[in-house]
Amino acid sequence: MNKTELIEKVAKKTGMTLKDSRIAVESVFSTAPKEGIIATEMAAGRRVQITGFGTFQTRRRKKRMGRNPQTGKAITIPASKYPAFSAGKALKTRVNK
């Protein structure tokens, strides 16, 4: 399922118009600055926990050594942050049925 299909399903399930459904989905999932609720909270270093569904959070990777695959030369890979999702118990149970 892609975003357009999600918007259509939300509209059908809730009785919202496609326009209102698009606004609702974008307000939760957009990655544009100051638009999507989940991305905005994660960028600020906060978790978004949806009980039963899962938790969206930001994790950190430490600085580490790596190799340039073309030259074989050792390089330092800088520390970074990355988004992570941990599925909740109810979601895991539903998927495993």
N, C-alpha and C. Protein backbone atom coordinates (compact mmCIF):
# COMPACT_ATOMS: atom_id res chain seq x y z
N MET A 1 0.85 -1.18 0.00
CA MET A 1 0.00 0.00 0.00
C MET A 1 0.89 1.23 0.00
N ASN A 2 0.54 2.19 -0.84
CA ASN A 2 1.28 3.45 -0.84
C ASN A 2 0.43 4.54 -0.18
N LYS A 3 0.96 5.76 -0.13
CA LYS A 3 0.28 6.84 0.59
C LYS A 3 -1.08 7.17 -0.04
N THR A 4 -1.17 7.16 -1.35
CA THR A 4 -2.44 7.46 -2.02
C THR A 4 -3.50 6.43 -1.65
N GLU A 5 -3.12 5.17 -1.63
CA GLU A 5 -4.06 4.11 -1.25
C GLU A 5 -4.47 4.25 0.22
N LEU A 6 -3.53 4.62 1.07
CA LEU A 6 -3.84 4.84 2.49
C LEU A 6 -4.86 5.98 2.63
N ILE A 7 -4.65 7.06 1.92
CA ILE A 7 -5.57 8.19 1.96
C ILE A 7 -6.97 7.77 1.52
N GLU A 8 -7.05 6.97 0.46
CA GLU A 8 -8.34 6.50 -0.03
C GLU A 8 -9.02 5.59 0.98
N LYS A 9 -8.26 4.71 1.63
CA LYS A 9 -8.84 3.81 2.64
C LYS A 9 -9.31 4.57 3.87
N VAL A 10 -8.54 5.58 4.29
CA VAL A 10 -8.95 6.40 5.44
C VAL A 10 -10.25 7.12 5.11
N ALA A 11 -10.35 7.67 3.91
CA ALA A 11 -11.55 8.39 3.49
C ALA A 11 -12.75 7.45 3.48
N LYS A 12 -12.57 6.26 2.95
CA LYS A 12 -13.67 5.29 2.87
C LYS A 12 -14.10 4.82 4.26
N LYS A 13 -13.13 4.53 5.12
CA LYS A 13 -13.44 4.00 6.45
C LYS A 13 -14.07 5.04 7.36
N THR A 14 -13.66 6.30 7.24
CA THR A 14 -14.15 7.34 8.14
C THR A 14 -15.29 8.18 7.57
N GLY A 15 -15.50 8.10 6.26
CA GLY A 15 -16.52 8.93 5.63
C GLY A 15 -16.03 10.35 5.35
N MET A 16 -14.74 10.57 5.53
CA MET A 16 -14.16 11.89 5.24
C MET A 16 -14.03 12.06 3.73
N THR A 17 -13.91 13.30 3.29
CA THR A 17 -13.63 13.54 1.89
C THR A 17 -12.17 13.17 1.62
N LEU A 18 -11.82 12.97 0.36
CA LEU A 18 -10.43 12.66 0.02
C LEU A 18 -9.51 13.80 0.44
N LYS A 19 -9.97 15.03 0.29
CA LYS A 19 -9.16 16.19 0.66
C LYS A 19 -8.88 16.19 2.16
N ASP A 20 -9.92 15.97 2.98
CA ASP A 20 -9.74 15.94 4.43
C ASP A 20 -8.89 14.76 4.86
N SER A 21 -9.08 13.64 4.19
CA SER A 21 -8.30 12.45 4.50
C SER A 21 -6.82 12.69 4.19
N ARG A 22 -6.54 13.34 3.06
CA ARG A 22 -5.14 13.65 2.70
C ARG A 22 -4.52 14.56 3.76
N ILE A 23 -5.25 15.55 4.22
CA ILE A 23 -4.75 16.47 5.25
C ILE A 23 -4.44 15.70 6.53
N ALA A 24 -5.32 14.79 6.92
CA ALA A 24 -5.12 14.00 8.14
C ALA A 24 -3.88 13.11 8.03
N VAL A 25 -3.75 12.40 6.92
CA VAL A 25 -2.60 11.50 6.74
C VAL A 25 -1.30 12.30 6.68
N GLU A 26 -1.30 13.40 5.93
CA GLU A 26 -0.10 14.23 5.82
C GLU A 26 0.29 14.83 7.17
N SER A 27 -0.69 15.19 7.98
CA SER A 27 -0.37 15.80 9.28
C SER A 27 0.31 14.83 10.22
N VAL A 28 0.10 13.54 10.01
CA VAL A 28 0.74 12.53 10.85
C VAL A 28 2.06 12.06 10.25
N PHE A 29 2.08 11.79 8.93
CA PHE A 29 3.22 11.11 8.32
C PHE A 29 4.16 11.95 7.48
N SER A 30 3.89 13.21 7.24
CA SER A 30 4.75 14.03 6.40
C SER A 30 6.15 14.16 7.00
N THR A 31 7.14 14.22 6.13
CA THR A 31 8.51 14.43 6.59
C THR A 31 8.98 15.87 6.35
N ALA A 32 8.09 16.69 5.78
CA ALA A 32 8.43 18.10 5.56
C ALA A 32 8.58 18.80 6.91
N PRO A 33 9.52 19.74 7.01
CA PRO A 33 9.72 20.45 8.29
C PRO A 33 8.43 21.08 8.82
N LYS A 34 8.18 20.87 10.08
CA LYS A 34 7.05 21.44 10.82
C LYS A 34 5.69 21.01 10.29
N GLU A 35 5.60 19.88 9.60
CA GLU A 35 4.31 19.41 9.10
C GLU A 35 3.89 18.11 9.76
N GLY A 36 4.69 17.07 9.61
CA GLY A 36 4.32 15.76 10.13
C GLY A 36 4.57 15.65 11.63
N ILE A 37 3.58 15.19 12.35
CA ILE A 37 3.69 15.10 13.81
C ILE A 37 4.78 14.13 14.22
N ILE A 38 4.81 12.94 13.62
CA ILE A 38 5.79 11.93 14.02
C ILE A 38 7.21 12.42 13.73
N ALA A 39 7.46 12.90 12.53
CA ALA A 39 8.81 13.36 12.16
C ALA A 39 9.25 14.55 13.01
N THR A 40 8.34 15.46 13.30
CA THR A 40 8.67 16.63 14.11
C THR A 40 9.08 16.22 15.52
N GLU A 41 8.32 15.31 16.12
CA GLU A 41 8.64 14.84 17.47
C GLU A 41 9.97 14.09 17.49
N MET A 42 10.21 13.24 16.50
CA MET A 42 11.47 12.49 16.45
C MET A 42 12.66 13.41 16.23
N ALA A 43 12.50 14.43 15.39
CA ALA A 43 13.59 15.38 15.15
C ALA A 43 13.95 16.13 16.41
N ALA A 44 12.98 16.31 17.30
CA ALA A 44 13.22 16.99 18.57
C ALA A 44 13.75 16.02 19.64
N GLY A 45 13.93 14.76 19.26
CA GLY A 45 14.49 13.79 20.19
C GLY A 45 13.45 13.11 21.09
N ARG A 46 12.17 13.29 20.77
CA ARG A 46 11.12 12.69 21.59
C ARG A 46 10.56 11.43 20.92
N ARG A 47 10.01 10.53 21.76
CA ARG A 47 9.39 9.31 21.26
C ARG A 47 7.92 9.55 20.97
N VAL A 48 7.39 8.79 20.03
CA VAL A 48 5.95 8.79 19.77
C VAL A 48 5.50 7.36 20.03
N GLN A 49 4.76 7.18 21.12
CA GLN A 49 4.32 5.85 21.52
C GLN A 49 2.82 5.73 21.31
N ILE A 50 2.43 4.78 20.47
CA ILE A 50 1.03 4.51 20.20
C ILE A 50 0.75 3.13 20.79
N THR A 51 0.09 3.11 21.94
CA THR A 51 -0.13 1.88 22.69
C THR A 51 -0.77 0.82 21.81
N GLY A 52 -0.17 -0.37 21.83
CA GLY A 52 -0.67 -1.48 21.04
C GLY A 52 -0.11 -1.52 19.63
N PHE A 53 0.24 -0.38 19.07
CA PHE A 53 0.76 -0.32 17.71
C PHE A 53 2.28 -0.34 17.71
N GLY A 54 2.91 0.60 18.41
CA GLY A 54 4.36 0.63 18.46
C GLY A 54 4.91 1.98 18.86
N THR A 55 6.23 2.07 18.82
CA THR A 55 6.93 3.28 19.23
C THR A 55 7.88 3.74 18.14
N PHE A 56 7.79 5.01 17.78
CA PHE A 56 8.73 5.65 16.87
C PHE A 56 9.71 6.42 17.74
N GLN A 57 11.01 6.26 17.49
CA GLN A 57 12.00 7.00 18.27
C GLN A 57 13.27 7.20 17.45
N THR A 58 14.12 8.08 17.97
CA THR A 58 15.40 8.36 17.33
C THR A 58 16.48 7.62 18.11
N ARG A 59 17.34 6.93 17.40
CA ARG A 59 18.47 6.24 18.03
C ARG A 59 19.76 6.83 17.50
N ARG A 60 20.85 6.55 18.22
CA ARG A 60 22.16 7.11 17.85
C ARG A 60 23.14 6.00 17.50
N ARG A 61 23.96 6.28 16.51
CA ARG A 61 25.09 5.41 16.17
C ARG A 61 26.35 6.14 16.58
N LYS A 62 27.27 5.42 17.19
CA LYS A 62 28.55 6.01 17.59
C LYS A 62 29.46 6.15 16.37
N LYS A 63 30.46 6.99 16.51
CA LYS A 63 31.49 7.12 15.48
C LYS A 63 32.21 5.77 15.39
N ARG A 64 32.52 5.33 14.17
CA ARG A 64 33.18 4.04 14.03
C ARG A 64 34.10 4.03 12.82
N MET A 65 34.93 3.03 12.78
CA MET A 65 35.86 2.88 11.66
C MET A 65 35.21 2.00 10.59
N GLY A 66 35.48 2.34 9.34
CA GLY A 66 34.98 1.56 8.21
C GLY A 66 36.03 1.54 7.12
N ARG A 67 35.68 0.95 5.99
CA ARG A 67 36.60 0.89 4.86
C ARG A 67 35.92 1.41 3.61
N ASN A 68 36.66 2.17 2.82
CA ASN A 68 36.17 2.59 1.52
C ASN A 68 36.20 1.36 0.62
N PRO A 69 35.07 0.92 0.09
CA PRO A 69 35.06 -0.32 -0.69
C PRO A 69 35.84 -0.24 -2.00
N GLN A 70 36.05 0.97 -2.52
CA GLN A 70 36.78 1.11 -3.78
C GLN A 70 38.29 1.05 -3.57
N THR A 71 38.76 1.67 -2.49
CA THR A 71 40.20 1.75 -2.27
C THR A 71 40.70 0.84 -1.15
N GLY A 72 39.81 0.42 -0.27
CA GLY A 72 40.21 -0.39 0.87
C GLY A 72 40.79 0.44 2.00
N LYS A 73 40.86 1.75 1.82
CA LYS A 73 41.43 2.64 2.82
C LYS A 73 40.49 2.77 4.03
N ALA A 74 41.06 2.79 5.23
CA ALA A 74 40.28 2.95 6.46
C ALA A 74 39.73 4.38 6.53
N ILE A 75 38.46 4.50 6.89
CA ILE A 75 37.85 5.81 7.04
C ILE A 75 37.08 5.86 8.36
N THR A 76 36.86 7.06 8.84
CA THR A 76 36.05 7.24 10.05
C THR A 76 34.63 7.59 9.63
N ILE A 77 33.67 6.81 10.07
CA ILE A 77 32.26 7.08 9.80
C ILE A 77 31.74 7.89 10.98
N PRO A 78 31.23 9.11 10.73
CA PRO A 78 30.82 9.97 11.84
C PRO A 78 29.60 9.44 12.58
N ALA A 79 29.43 9.91 13.81
CA ALA A 79 28.25 9.56 14.60
C ALA A 79 27.01 10.11 13.88
N SER A 80 25.89 9.42 14.06
CA SER A 80 24.66 9.87 13.41
C SER A 80 23.43 9.45 14.21
N LYS A 81 22.32 10.07 13.88
CA LYS A 81 21.03 9.68 14.45
C LYS A 81 20.24 9.00 13.34
N TYR A 82 19.34 8.07 13.73
CA TYR A 82 18.51 7.42 12.74
C TYR A 82 17.14 7.08 13.33
N PRO A 83 16.11 7.06 12.50
CA PRO A 83 14.77 6.74 13.00
C PRO A 83 14.61 5.24 13.20
N ALA A 84 13.84 4.87 14.23
CA ALA A 84 13.60 3.46 14.51
C ALA A 84 12.14 3.27 14.91
N PHE A 85 11.60 2.10 14.59
CA PHE A 85 10.24 1.76 14.98
C PHE A 85 10.28 0.40 15.66
N SER A 86 9.63 0.31 16.83
CA SER A 86 9.50 -0.94 17.55
C SER A 86 8.01 -1.28 17.60
N ALA A 87 7.66 -2.42 17.04
CA ALA A 87 6.25 -2.82 17.01
C ALA A 87 5.77 -3.17 18.40
N GLY A 88 4.52 -2.81 18.70
CA GLY A 88 3.90 -3.14 19.97
C GLY A 88 3.40 -4.57 19.98
N LYS A 89 3.06 -5.07 21.16
CA LYS A 89 2.62 -6.45 21.32
C LYS A 89 1.37 -6.75 20.50
N ALA A 90 0.39 -5.86 20.53
CA ALA A 90 -0.86 -6.10 19.78
C ALA A 90 -0.60 -6.18 18.28
N LEU A 91 0.28 -5.33 17.75
CA LEU A 91 0.60 -5.38 16.33
C LEU A 91 1.32 -6.67 15.97
N LYS A 92 2.27 -7.08 16.81
CA LYS A 92 2.99 -8.33 16.56
C LYS A 92 2.03 -9.51 16.56
N THR A 93 1.11 -9.53 17.52
CA THR A 93 0.12 -10.61 17.60
C THR A 93 -0.77 -10.64 16.36
N ARG A 94 -1.22 -9.47 15.91
CA ARG A 94 -2.10 -9.37 14.74
C ARG A 94 -1.39 -9.84 13.47
N VAL A 95 -0.14 -9.49 13.31
CA VAL A 95 0.62 -9.88 12.12
C VAL A 95 0.89 -11.38 12.13
N ASN A 96 1.10 -11.96 13.29
CA ASN A 96 1.43 -13.38 13.38
C ASN A 96 0.23 -14.32 13.33
N LYS A 97 -0.99 -13.80 13.20
CA LYS A 97 -2.18 -14.67 13.10
C LYS A 97 -2.25 -15.36 11.79
